[in-house]
């Protein structure tokens, strides 16, 4: 089975109940080889802290840290930074969204699936040739 790249918008749904939470978890469960960017760690923890009470955050952060150990985490290096800049060229893509897409594009030859619930990111990812999953 091909690999899956999971962005922050999709991963957050595992710890915060919102639209498409069930769908996101079901999609992730179907894959064995899962990738995400190093920025997902920071983004997820910051967003969980903003959305949850202290006690809810403690539980969600613990679950997240257990999950992230099973993911392949892509480091942000100089080359990826330049690649993200190219991905963002000519569109209104946010910096972190460009980093997510550039990270996934490193595996494009492996026909990677890209799970996101960010509409702008999904459109650009599809234009770049990624198979986009999500709502």
C-alpha atoms as a PDB file:
ATOM      1  CA  UNK A   1       0.000   0.000   0.000  1.00  0.00           C
ATOM      2  CA  UNK A   2       1.212   3.488  -0.795  1.00  0.00           C
ATOM      3  CA  UNK A   3       2.214   5.846   2.026  1.00  0.00           C
ATOM      4  CA  UNK A   4       0.055   8.575   3.563  1.00  0.00           C
ATOM      5  CA  UNK A   5       1.087  12.118   4.414  1.00  0.00           C
ATOM      6  CA  UNK A   6      -1.015  13.652   7.216  1.00  0.00           C
ATOM      7  CA  UNK A   7      -1.114  17.410   7.739  1.00  0.00           C
ATOM      8  CA  UNK A   8      -2.004  19.160  10.975  1.00  0.00           C
ATOM      9  CA  UNK A   9      -5.644  19.855  10.059  1.00  0.00           C
ATOM     10  CA  UNK A  10      -6.226  16.109   9.675  1.00  0.00           C
ATOM     11  CA  UNK A  11      -4.232  15.023  12.695  1.00  0.00           C
ATOM     12  CA  UNK A  12      -5.941  17.487  15.041  1.00  0.00           C
ATOM     13  CA  UNK A  13      -9.243  15.759  14.354  1.00  0.00           C
ATOM     14  CA  UNK A  14      -7.973  12.690  16.224  1.00  0.00           C
ATOM     15  CA  UNK A  15      -7.844  14.669  19.488  1.00  0.00           C
ATOM     16  CA  UNK A  16     -10.601  17.280  19.080  1.00  0.00           C
ATOM     17  CA  UNK A  17     -14.112  16.257  18.114  1.00  0.00           C
ATOM     18  CA  UNK A  18     -15.169  18.279  15.089  1.00  0.00           C
ATOM     19  CA  UNK A  19     -16.508  17.808  11.569  1.00  0.00           C
ATOM     20  CA  UNK A  20     -14.736  14.931   9.807  1.00  0.00           C
ATOM     21  CA  UNK A  21     -13.024  13.659  12.987  1.00  0.00           C
ATOM     22  CA  UNK A  22     -14.312  10.137  12.437  1.00  0.00           C
ATOM     23  CA  UNK A  23     -13.441  10.207   8.742  1.00  0.00           C
ATOM     24  CA  UNK A  24      -9.899  11.392   9.441  1.00  0.00           C
ATOM     25  CA  UNK A  25      -9.274   8.633  11.994  1.00  0.00           C
ATOM     26  CA  UNK A  26     -10.699   6.003   9.653  1.00  0.00           C
ATOM     27  CA  UNK A  27      -8.466   7.122   6.784  1.00  0.00           C
ATOM     28  CA  UNK A  28      -5.347   7.176   8.966  1.00  0.00           C
ATOM     29  CA  UNK A  29      -6.160   3.702  10.323  1.00  0.00           C
ATOM     30  CA  UNK A  30      -6.088   2.257   6.789  1.00  0.00           C
ATOM     31  CA  UNK A  31      -2.413   3.119   6.292  1.00  0.00           C
ATOM     32  CA  UNK A  32       0.710   1.562   7.768  1.00  0.00           C
ATOM     33  CA  UNK A  33       3.353   3.885   6.362  1.00  0.00           C
ATOM     34  CA  UNK A  34       2.431   7.381   7.580  1.00  0.00           C
ATOM     35  CA  UNK A  35       4.456  10.556   7.137  1.00  0.00           C
ATOM     36  CA  UNK A  36       4.139  14.052   8.521  1.00  0.00           C
ATOM     37  CA  UNK A  37       6.342  17.110   8.838  1.00  0.00           C
ATOM     38  CA  UNK A  38       8.295  18.169  11.877  1.00  0.00           C
ATOM     39  CA  UNK A  39       6.107  21.297  11.958  1.00  0.00           C
ATOM     40  CA  UNK A  40       3.066  19.114  12.655  1.00  0.00           C
ATOM     41  CA  UNK A  41       4.360  18.489  16.161  1.00  0.00           C
ATOM     42  CA  UNK A  42       4.491  22.191  16.994  1.00  0.00           C
ATOM     43  CA  UNK A  43       1.269  23.070  15.175  1.00  0.00           C
ATOM     44  CA  UNK A  44      -0.704  20.255  16.785  1.00  0.00           C
ATOM     45  CA  UNK A  45       0.429  20.921  20.335  1.00  0.00           C
ATOM     46  CA  UNK A  46      -0.150  24.678  20.031  1.00  0.00           C
ATOM     47  CA  UNK A  47      -3.641  24.168  18.584  1.00  0.00           C
ATOM     48  CA  UNK A  48      -4.563  21.592  21.212  1.00  0.00           C
ATOM     49  CA  UNK A  49      -3.461  23.957  23.975  1.00  0.00           C
ATOM     50  CA  UNK A  50      -5.587  26.753  22.471  1.00  0.00           C
ATOM     51  CA  UNK A  51      -8.719  24.621  22.100  1.00  0.00           C
ATOM     52  CA  UNK A  52      -8.725  22.446  25.209  1.00  0.00           C
ATOM     53  CA  UNK A  53      -8.797  22.892  28.961  1.00  0.00           C
ATOM     54  CA  UNK A  54      -5.599  22.044  30.861  1.00  0.00           C
ATOM     55  CA  UNK A  55      -6.830  18.577  31.805  1.00  0.00           C
ATOM     56  CA  UNK A  56      -8.132  17.864  28.279  1.00  0.00           C
ATOM     57  CA  UNK A  57      -4.841  19.092  26.837  1.00  0.00           C
ATOM     58  CA  UNK A  58      -2.844  16.766  29.085  1.00  0.00           C
ATOM     59  CA  UNK A  59      -4.808  13.754  27.824  1.00  0.00           C
ATOM     60  CA  UNK A  60      -4.745  14.805  24.160  1.00  0.00           C
ATOM     61  CA  UNK A  61      -1.031  15.672  24.253  1.00  0.00           C
ATOM     62  CA  UNK A  62      -0.219  12.266  25.733  1.00  0.00           C
ATOM     63  CA  UNK A  63      -2.216  10.507  22.993  1.00  0.00           C
ATOM     64  CA  UNK A  64      -0.603  12.686  20.337  1.00  0.00           C
ATOM     65  CA  UNK A  65       2.914  11.917  21.580  1.00  0.00           C
ATOM     66  CA  UNK A  66       2.140   8.193  21.476  1.00  0.00           C
ATOM     67  CA  UNK A  67       0.772   8.494  17.930  1.00  0.00           C
ATOM     68  CA  UNK A  68       3.610  10.635  16.569  1.00  0.00           C
ATOM     69  CA  UNK A  69       6.133   7.965  17.588  1.00  0.00           C
ATOM     70  CA  UNK A  70       4.554   5.684  14.971  1.00  0.00           C
ATOM     71  CA  UNK A  71       4.820   8.297  12.186  1.00  0.00           C
ATOM     72  CA  UNK A  72       7.777   8.985   9.934  1.00  0.00           C
ATOM     73  CA  UNK A  73       8.603  12.612  10.750  1.00  0.00           C
ATOM     74  CA  UNK A  74      10.176  14.630   7.941  1.00  0.00           C
ATOM     75  CA  UNK A  75      12.744  17.142   9.156  1.00  0.00           C
ATOM     76  CA  UNK A  76      12.750  20.672   7.853  1.00  0.00           C
ATOM     77  CA  UNK A  77      16.071  21.405   6.231  1.00  0.00           C
ATOM     78  CA  UNK A  78      17.391  24.047   3.871  1.00  0.00           C
ATOM     79  CA  UNK A  79      16.414  22.094   0.745  1.00  0.00           C
ATOM     80  CA  UNK A  80      12.825  21.635   1.976  1.00  0.00           C
ATOM     81  CA  UNK A  81      12.623  25.346   2.760  1.00  0.00           C
ATOM     82  CA  UNK A  82      13.508  26.200  -0.846  1.00  0.00           C
ATOM     83  CA  UNK A  83      11.105  23.552  -2.162  1.00  0.00           C
ATOM     84  CA  UNK A  84       8.283  25.021  -0.056  1.00  0.00           C
ATOM     85  CA  UNK A  85       9.064  28.459  -1.450  1.00  0.00           C
ATOM     86  CA  UNK A  86       8.649  27.065  -4.973  1.00  0.00           C
ATOM     87  CA  UNK A  87       5.373  25.328  -4.019  1.00  0.00           C
ATOM     88  CA  UNK A  88       3.995  28.641  -2.744  1.00  0.00           C
ATOM     89  CA  UNK A  89       5.076  30.632  -5.805  1.00  0.00           C
ATOM     90  CA  UNK A  90       2.114  32.190  -7.616  1.00  0.00           C
ATOM     91  CA  UNK A  91      -0.643  31.307  -5.140  1.00  0.00           C
ATOM     92  CA  UNK A  92      -1.974  32.388  -1.751  1.00  0.00           C
ATOM     93  CA  UNK A  93      -0.596  29.400   0.134  1.00  0.00           C
ATOM     94  CA  UNK A  94       0.464  30.000   3.747  1.00  0.00           C
ATOM     95  CA  UNK A  95       4.031  29.182   4.768  1.00  0.00           C
ATOM     96  CA  UNK A  96       3.207  26.140   6.881  1.00  0.00           C
ATOM     97  CA  UNK A  97       0.863  24.772   4.209  1.00  0.00           C
ATOM     98  CA  UNK A  98       3.651  25.079   1.638  1.00  0.00           C
ATOM     99  CA  UNK A  99       5.985  23.172   3.971  1.00  0.00           C
ATOM    100  CA  UNK A 100       3.409  20.372   4.306  1.00  0.00           C
ATOM    101  CA  UNK A 101       2.999  20.062   0.542  1.00  0.00           C
ATOM    102  CA  UNK A 102       6.752  20.225  -0.102  1.00  0.00           C
ATOM    103  CA  UNK A 103       7.263  17.505   2.509  1.00  0.00           C
ATOM    104  CA  UNK A 104       4.743  15.239   0.804  1.00  0.00           C
ATOM    105  CA  UNK A 105       6.173  15.949  -2.636  1.00  0.00           C
ATOM    106  CA  UNK A 106       9.443  14.358  -1.550  1.00  0.00           C
ATOM    107  CA  UNK A 107       7.578  11.045  -1.878  1.00  0.00           C
ATOM    108  CA  UNK A 108       5.616  11.827  -5.031  1.00  0.00           C
ATOM    109  CA  UNK A 109       7.341   8.975  -6.856  1.00  0.00           C
ATOM    110  CA  UNK A 110       5.870   6.623  -4.252  1.00  0.00           C
ATOM    111  CA  UNK A 111       2.385   7.855  -5.202  1.00  0.00           C
ATOM    112  CA  UNK A 112       1.739   9.185  -1.713  1.00  0.00           C
ATOM    113  CA  UNK A 113      -1.752  10.140  -0.545  1.00  0.00           C
ATOM    114  CA  UNK A 114      -2.135  13.548   1.118  1.00  0.00           C
ATOM    115  CA  UNK A 115      -4.676  13.905   3.933  1.00  0.00           C
ATOM    116  CA  UNK A 116      -5.796  17.440   4.668  1.00  0.00           C
ATOM    117  CA  UNK A 117      -8.949  19.337   5.603  1.00  0.00           C
ATOM    118  CA  UNK A 118      -7.533  22.705   4.574  1.00  0.00           C
ATOM    119  CA  UNK A 119      -9.329  23.671   1.355  1.00  0.00           C
ATOM    120  CA  UNK A 120      -6.635  25.956  -0.064  1.00  0.00           C
ATOM    121  CA  UNK A 121      -3.914  23.456   0.715  1.00  0.00           C
ATOM    122  CA  UNK A 122      -5.953  20.651  -0.868  1.00  0.00           C
ATOM    123  CA  UNK A 123      -6.365  22.566  -4.133  1.00  0.00           C
ATOM    124  CA  UNK A 124      -2.649  23.347  -4.435  1.00  0.00           C
ATOM    125  CA  UNK A 125      -1.633  19.807  -3.411  1.00  0.00           C
ATOM    126  CA  UNK A 126      -3.866  18.383  -6.144  1.00  0.00           C
ATOM    127  CA  UNK A 127      -2.402  20.829  -8.687  1.00  0.00           C
ATOM    128  CA  UNK A 128       1.053  19.578  -7.692  1.00  0.00           C
ATOM    129  CA  UNK A 129      -0.006  16.019  -8.485  1.00  0.00           C
ATOM    130  CA  UNK A 130      -0.782  14.645  -5.037  1.00  0.00           C
ATOM    131  CA  UNK A 131      -3.789  12.409  -4.424  1.00  0.00           C
ATOM    132  CA  UNK A 132      -5.761  14.444  -1.875  1.00  0.00           C
ATOM    133  CA  UNK A 133      -7.931  12.744   0.726  1.00  0.00           C
ATOM    134  CA  UNK A 134     -10.166  14.487   3.235  1.00  0.00           C
ATOM    135  CA  UNK A 135     -13.336  16.525   3.414  1.00  0.00           C
END
